[in-house]
């Protein structure tokens, strides 16, 4: 999905929302930032496999979409922190029911796997 879909006023609202969180890392970054402001290094450590390049790109996109606030502290070396904006918190709250549904689905699948692996008692 292209990012331009997030700006198209004729597109379905769900499509516009998904365009903003599209990608492997954005929902995980939202989840990490719910706990409060984070420095980029802390975000990378919390999300193994996330490269610095992809982190920077995702945070810049999230900033341009109004989801995160970037604050650079004027100290040497420069210290940058990212935090959720009120709009980002709104999105995070809107995703909470979807997250709960996902966990229920995983529990259901785990139950099926356990039931499929169990041998019948004779």
N, C-alpha and C. Protein backbone atom coordinates (compact mmCIF):
# COMPACT_ATOMS: atom_id res chain seq x y z
N UNK A 1 0.84 -1.17 0.00
CA UNK A 1 0.00 0.00 0.00
C UNK A 1 0.89 1.24 0.00
N UNK A 2 0.52 2.20 -0.78
CA UNK A 2 1.34 3.40 -0.84
C UNK A 2 0.94 4.39 0.24
N UNK A 3 1.91 5.19 0.66
CA UNK A 3 1.63 6.19 1.70
C UNK A 3 0.65 7.24 1.20
N UNK A 4 0.55 7.43 -0.11
CA UNK A 4 -0.38 8.43 -0.64
C UNK A 4 -1.83 8.04 -0.33
N UNK A 5 -2.08 6.75 -0.11
CA UNK A 5 -3.44 6.30 0.24
C UNK A 5 -3.87 6.88 1.58
N UNK A 6 -2.93 7.17 2.45
CA UNK A 6 -3.26 7.73 3.76
C UNK A 6 -3.75 9.17 3.63
N UNK A 7 -3.48 9.80 2.49
CA UNK A 7 -3.87 11.20 2.28
C UNK A 7 -5.10 11.34 1.38
N UNK A 8 -5.54 10.28 0.76
CA UNK A 8 -6.65 10.32 -0.20
C UNK A 8 -7.97 10.43 0.55
N UNK A 9 -8.70 11.56 0.40
CA UNK A 9 -9.96 11.72 1.13
C UNK A 9 -11.06 10.78 0.66
N UNK A 10 -10.89 10.16 -0.50
CA UNK A 10 -11.90 9.26 -1.05
C UNK A 10 -11.72 7.81 -0.60
N UNK A 11 -10.65 7.53 0.13
CA UNK A 11 -10.36 6.15 0.51
C UNK A 11 -11.10 5.80 1.81
N UNK A 12 -11.35 4.53 2.01
CA UNK A 12 -11.96 4.03 3.24
C UNK A 12 -11.12 4.44 4.45
N UNK A 13 -11.75 4.78 5.55
CA UNK A 13 -11.03 5.20 6.75
C UNK A 13 -10.08 4.14 7.28
N UNK A 14 -10.48 2.87 7.20
CA UNK A 14 -9.60 1.80 7.66
C UNK A 14 -8.36 1.74 6.79
N UNK A 15 -8.53 1.90 5.50
CA UNK A 15 -7.39 1.89 4.58
C UNK A 15 -6.44 3.05 4.90
N UNK A 16 -7.01 4.23 5.18
CA UNK A 16 -6.18 5.38 5.54
C UNK A 16 -5.41 5.13 6.83
N UNK A 17 -6.05 4.48 7.80
CA UNK A 17 -5.38 4.18 9.07
C UNK A 17 -4.29 3.14 8.87
N UNK A 18 -4.58 2.09 8.10
CA UNK A 18 -3.60 1.04 7.87
C UNK A 18 -2.39 1.59 7.11
N UNK A 19 -2.62 2.55 6.22
CA UNK A 19 -1.50 3.15 5.48
C UNK A 19 -0.53 3.84 6.42
N UNK A 20 -1.03 4.36 7.53
CA UNK A 20 -0.18 5.06 8.50
C UNK A 20 0.65 4.08 9.33
N UNK A 21 0.11 2.91 9.61
CA UNK A 21 0.83 1.93 10.45
C UNK A 21 1.41 0.79 9.63
N UNK A 22 1.32 0.91 8.30
CA UNK A 22 1.82 -0.14 7.42
C UNK A 22 3.32 -0.34 7.62
N UNK A 23 3.75 -1.55 7.60
CA UNK A 23 5.16 -1.87 7.76
C UNK A 23 5.36 -2.79 8.95
N UNK A 24 6.51 -3.36 9.00
CA UNK A 24 6.81 -4.37 10.03
C UNK A 24 6.98 -3.77 11.42
N UNK A 25 7.46 -2.53 11.53
CA UNK A 25 7.90 -2.02 12.82
C UNK A 25 7.03 -0.95 13.46
N UNK A 26 6.14 -0.33 12.72
CA UNK A 26 5.43 0.83 13.26
C UNK A 26 4.53 0.50 14.45
N UNK A 27 3.82 -0.61 14.39
CA UNK A 27 2.97 -0.94 15.54
C UNK A 27 3.82 -1.29 16.75
N UNK A 28 4.95 -1.96 16.53
CA UNK A 28 5.86 -2.27 17.65
C UNK A 28 6.44 -0.99 18.24
N UNK A 29 6.76 -0.01 17.39
CA UNK A 29 7.27 1.27 17.88
C UNK A 29 6.20 2.01 18.68
N UNK A 30 4.96 1.99 18.20
CA UNK A 30 3.87 2.60 18.96
C UNK A 30 3.77 1.96 20.34
N UNK A 31 3.85 0.64 20.36
CA UNK A 31 3.73 -0.10 21.61
C UNK A 31 4.86 0.28 22.57
N UNK A 32 6.08 0.39 22.06
CA UNK A 32 7.22 0.78 22.90
C UNK A 32 7.07 2.20 23.42
N UNK A 33 6.57 3.10 22.58
CA UNK A 33 6.46 4.50 22.96
C UNK A 33 5.28 4.77 23.90
N UNK A 34 4.37 3.81 24.04
CA UNK A 34 3.28 3.97 25.01
C UNK A 34 3.83 4.12 26.42
N UNK A 35 4.97 3.52 26.69
CA UNK A 35 5.57 3.56 28.04
C UNK A 35 6.18 4.92 28.36
N UNK A 36 6.36 5.77 27.35
CA UNK A 36 6.94 7.08 27.58
C UNK A 36 8.05 7.36 26.59
N UNK A 37 8.66 8.53 26.70
CA UNK A 37 9.71 8.92 25.75
C UNK A 37 10.85 7.90 25.72
N UNK A 38 11.36 7.67 24.52
CA UNK A 38 12.43 6.70 24.33
C UNK A 38 13.50 7.29 23.42
N UNK A 39 14.72 6.95 23.69
CA UNK A 39 15.82 7.30 22.80
C UNK A 39 15.92 6.23 21.71
N UNK A 40 16.43 6.60 20.54
CA UNK A 40 16.51 5.62 19.44
C UNK A 40 17.27 4.35 19.81
N UNK A 41 18.35 4.47 20.56
CA UNK A 41 19.12 3.29 20.95
C UNK A 41 18.30 2.33 21.80
N UNK A 42 17.49 2.87 22.69
CA UNK A 42 16.63 2.03 23.53
C UNK A 42 15.58 1.32 22.68
N UNK A 43 15.05 2.02 21.69
CA UNK A 43 14.06 1.39 20.81
C UNK A 43 14.70 0.25 20.02
N UNK A 44 15.91 0.46 19.52
CA UNK A 44 16.60 -0.61 18.77
C UNK A 44 16.87 -1.81 19.65
N UNK A 45 17.29 -1.57 20.89
CA UNK A 45 17.56 -2.69 21.81
C UNK A 45 16.28 -3.45 22.14
N UNK A 46 15.18 -2.74 22.23
CA UNK A 46 13.90 -3.38 22.58
C UNK A 46 13.32 -4.18 21.41
N UNK A 47 13.76 -3.87 20.20
CA UNK A 47 13.22 -4.53 19.01
C UNK A 47 14.35 -5.17 18.20
N UNK A 48 14.81 -6.33 18.62
CA UNK A 48 15.89 -7.00 17.90
C UNK A 48 15.53 -7.20 16.43
N UNK A 49 16.50 -6.97 15.57
CA UNK A 49 16.28 -7.11 14.14
C UNK A 49 15.95 -5.80 13.45
N UNK A 50 15.66 -4.77 14.21
CA UNK A 50 15.35 -3.45 13.66
C UNK A 50 16.66 -2.70 13.41
N UNK A 51 16.94 -2.40 12.15
CA UNK A 51 18.18 -1.70 11.83
C UNK A 51 18.03 -0.21 12.11
N UNK A 52 19.16 0.45 12.25
CA UNK A 52 19.14 1.90 12.50
C UNK A 52 18.49 2.64 11.33
N UNK A 53 18.78 2.20 10.12
CA UNK A 53 18.20 2.85 8.93
C UNK A 53 16.68 2.74 8.92
N UNK A 54 16.16 1.55 9.16
CA UNK A 54 14.72 1.33 9.14
C UNK A 54 14.06 2.05 10.32
N UNK A 55 14.72 2.05 11.47
CA UNK A 55 14.19 2.78 12.63
C UNK A 55 14.05 4.25 12.29
N UNK A 56 15.10 4.84 11.74
CA UNK A 56 15.08 6.26 11.39
C UNK A 56 13.98 6.55 10.39
N UNK A 57 13.85 5.71 9.38
CA UNK A 57 12.82 5.91 8.36
C UNK A 57 11.42 5.82 8.97
N UNK A 58 11.19 4.81 9.79
CA UNK A 58 9.87 4.63 10.39
C UNK A 58 9.53 5.80 11.32
N UNK A 59 10.49 6.23 12.14
CA UNK A 59 10.23 7.34 13.05
C UNK A 59 9.98 8.63 12.28
N UNK A 60 10.69 8.85 11.19
CA UNK A 60 10.46 10.06 10.38
C UNK A 60 9.06 10.04 9.77
N UNK A 61 8.64 8.87 9.26
CA UNK A 61 7.30 8.75 8.69
C UNK A 61 6.25 8.97 9.77
N UNK A 62 6.47 8.38 10.94
CA UNK A 62 5.52 8.53 12.04
C UNK A 62 5.46 9.99 12.51
N UNK A 63 6.59 10.66 12.47
CA UNK A 63 6.63 12.08 12.84
C UNK A 63 5.85 12.90 11.80
N UNK A 64 6.07 12.63 10.52
CA UNK A 64 5.35 13.39 9.48
C UNK A 64 3.86 13.09 9.50
N UNK A 65 3.47 11.92 9.99
CA UNK A 65 2.05 11.57 10.11
C UNK A 65 1.43 12.11 11.40
N UNK A 66 2.25 12.75 12.23
CA UNK A 66 1.73 13.35 13.47
C UNK A 66 1.58 12.38 14.62
N UNK A 67 2.21 11.21 14.53
CA UNK A 67 2.08 10.20 15.58
C UNK A 67 3.13 10.35 16.68
N UNK A 68 4.32 10.78 16.32
CA UNK A 68 5.39 10.91 17.31
C UNK A 68 5.97 12.33 17.27
N UNK A 69 6.51 12.70 18.40
CA UNK A 69 7.20 13.99 18.55
C UNK A 69 8.68 13.69 18.76
N UNK A 70 9.51 14.39 18.03
CA UNK A 70 10.96 14.24 18.14
C UNK A 70 11.49 15.45 18.88
N UNK A 71 12.22 15.20 19.96
CA UNK A 71 12.81 16.28 20.73
C UNK A 71 14.31 16.08 20.80
N UNK A 72 15.04 17.10 20.38
CA UNK A 72 16.50 17.07 20.43
C UNK A 72 16.93 17.97 21.58
N UNK A 73 17.62 17.38 22.55
CA UNK A 73 18.12 18.13 23.70
C UNK A 73 19.47 18.74 23.35
N UNK A 74 19.64 19.99 23.66
CA UNK A 74 20.84 20.74 23.29
C UNK A 74 21.98 20.48 24.28
N UNK A 75 22.48 19.26 24.23
CA UNK A 75 23.63 18.86 25.05
C UNK A 75 24.61 18.15 24.12
N UNK A 76 25.83 18.04 24.54
CA UNK A 76 26.81 17.32 23.74
C UNK A 76 27.15 16.01 24.42
N UNK A 77 27.07 14.90 23.76
CA UNK A 77 26.54 14.74 22.41
C UNK A 77 25.02 14.98 22.39
N UNK A 78 24.49 15.32 21.21
CA UNK A 78 23.06 15.57 21.09
C UNK A 78 22.27 14.36 21.57
N UNK A 79 21.20 14.63 22.26
CA UNK A 79 20.35 13.55 22.78
C UNK A 79 18.96 13.73 22.18
N UNK A 80 18.49 12.71 21.50
CA UNK A 80 17.18 12.76 20.85
C UNK A 80 16.25 11.79 21.55
N UNK A 81 15.02 12.24 21.76
CA UNK A 81 13.98 11.39 22.34
C UNK A 81 12.73 11.47 21.48
N UNK A 82 12.04 10.35 21.41
CA UNK A 82 10.77 10.28 20.70
C UNK A 82 9.67 9.96 21.69
N UNK A 83 8.52 10.58 21.49
CA UNK A 83 7.37 10.30 22.34
C UNK A 83 6.12 10.35 21.47
N UNK A 84 5.04 9.75 21.97
CA UNK A 84 3.78 9.79 21.24
C UNK A 84 3.14 11.16 21.38
N UNK A 85 2.56 11.63 20.31
CA UNK A 85 1.75 12.85 20.35
C UNK A 85 0.35 12.44 20.84
N UNK A 86 -0.50 13.39 21.16
CA UNK A 86 -1.88 13.02 21.48
C UNK A 86 -2.55 12.23 20.35
N UNK A 87 -2.26 12.59 19.11
CA UNK A 87 -2.81 11.86 17.96
C UNK A 87 -2.27 10.43 17.93
N UNK A 88 -0.99 10.25 18.26
CA UNK A 88 -0.41 8.92 18.33
C UNK A 88 -1.03 8.10 19.45
N UNK A 89 -1.32 8.74 20.58
CA UNK A 89 -1.99 8.04 21.69
C UNK A 89 -3.40 7.62 21.28
N UNK A 90 -4.08 8.49 20.52
CA UNK A 90 -5.41 8.13 20.01
C UNK A 90 -5.33 6.87 19.15
N UNK A 91 -4.35 6.82 18.27
CA UNK A 91 -4.18 5.65 17.41
C UNK A 91 -3.88 4.42 18.25
N UNK A 92 -3.01 4.56 19.23
CA UNK A 92 -2.65 3.44 20.09
C UNK A 92 -3.89 2.91 20.82
N UNK A 93 -4.72 3.81 21.31
CA UNK A 93 -5.96 3.39 21.98
C UNK A 93 -6.93 2.73 21.01
N UNK A 94 -6.97 3.24 19.77
CA UNK A 94 -7.85 2.63 18.77
C UNK A 94 -7.38 1.23 18.39
N UNK A 95 -6.08 0.98 18.46
CA UNK A 95 -5.54 -0.33 18.12
C UNK A 95 -5.68 -1.35 19.26
N UNK A 96 -5.96 -0.90 20.48
CA UNK A 96 -6.04 -1.80 21.63
C UNK A 96 -7.06 -2.93 21.42
N UNK A 97 -8.29 -2.65 20.94
CA UNK A 97 -9.22 -3.77 20.69
C UNK A 97 -8.72 -4.74 19.62
N UNK A 98 -8.04 -4.23 18.61
CA UNK A 98 -7.48 -5.11 17.58
C UNK A 98 -6.39 -5.99 18.17
N UNK A 99 -5.59 -5.43 19.08
CA UNK A 99 -4.56 -6.20 19.76
C UNK A 99 -5.19 -7.32 20.61
N UNK A 100 -6.25 -6.97 21.33
CA UNK A 100 -6.94 -7.97 22.15
C UNK A 100 -7.50 -9.09 21.27
N UNK A 101 -8.07 -8.73 20.13
CA UNK A 101 -8.57 -9.73 19.19
C UNK A 101 -7.44 -10.63 18.71
N UNK A 102 -6.28 -10.03 18.40
CA UNK A 102 -5.13 -10.81 17.95
C UNK A 102 -4.67 -11.81 19.00
N UNK A 103 -4.66 -11.38 20.27
CA UNK A 103 -4.26 -12.31 21.35
C UNK A 103 -5.28 -13.44 21.49
N UNK A 104 -6.57 -13.12 21.38
CA UNK A 104 -7.59 -14.18 21.44
C UNK A 104 -7.41 -15.16 20.29
N UNK A 105 -7.09 -14.66 19.11
CA UNK A 105 -6.85 -15.53 17.97
C UNK A 105 -5.66 -16.44 18.21
N UNK A 106 -4.58 -15.88 18.75
CA UNK A 106 -3.40 -16.70 19.05
C UNK A 106 -3.73 -17.77 20.08
N UNK A 107 -4.51 -17.40 21.10
CA UNK A 107 -4.93 -18.39 22.10
C UNK A 107 -5.76 -19.49 21.47
N UNK A 108 -6.67 -19.10 20.56
CA UNK A 108 -7.51 -20.08 19.88
C UNK A 108 -6.65 -21.02 19.04
N UNK A 109 -5.68 -20.46 18.31
CA UNK A 109 -4.81 -21.30 17.48
C UNK A 109 -3.95 -22.21 18.34
N UNK A 110 -3.49 -21.72 19.48
CA UNK A 110 -2.70 -22.56 20.39
C UNK A 110 -3.56 -23.69 20.93
N UNK A 111 -4.83 -23.41 21.20
CA UNK A 111 -5.74 -24.45 21.67
C UNK A 111 -5.98 -25.52 20.63
N UNK A 112 -6.09 -25.09 19.38
CA UNK A 112 -6.25 -26.05 18.28
C UNK A 112 -5.01 -26.90 18.13
N UNK A 113 -3.84 -26.26 18.23
CA UNK A 113 -2.59 -27.00 18.09
C UNK A 113 -2.45 -28.03 19.19
N UNK A 114 -2.80 -27.64 20.40
CA UNK A 114 -2.71 -28.57 21.52
C UNK A 114 -3.69 -29.71 21.35
N UNK A 115 -4.92 -29.38 20.89
CA UNK A 115 -5.92 -30.40 20.70
C UNK A 115 -5.55 -31.34 19.55
N UNK A 116 -4.95 -30.81 18.51
CA UNK A 116 -4.55 -31.64 17.37
C UNK A 116 -3.40 -32.56 17.74
N UNK A 117 -2.54 -32.11 18.65
CA UNK A 117 -1.38 -32.90 19.04
C UNK A 117 -1.70 -33.94 20.11
N UNK A 118 -2.84 -33.80 20.75
CA UNK A 118 -3.20 -34.75 21.82
C UNK A 118 -3.68 -36.07 21.19
N UNK A 119 -3.22 -37.13 21.76
CA UNK A 119 -3.66 -38.44 21.25
C UNK A 119 -4.90 -38.87 22.03
N UNK A 120 -5.83 -39.50 21.33
CA UNK A 120 -7.06 -39.95 22.01
C UNK A 120 -6.75 -41.04 23.02
N UNK A 121 -7.47 -40.99 24.10
CA UNK A 121 -7.30 -41.99 25.15
C UNK A 121 -8.17 -43.19 24.81
N UNK A 122 -7.60 -44.37 24.84
CA UNK A 122 -8.35 -45.58 24.48
C UNK A 122 -9.09 -46.14 25.63
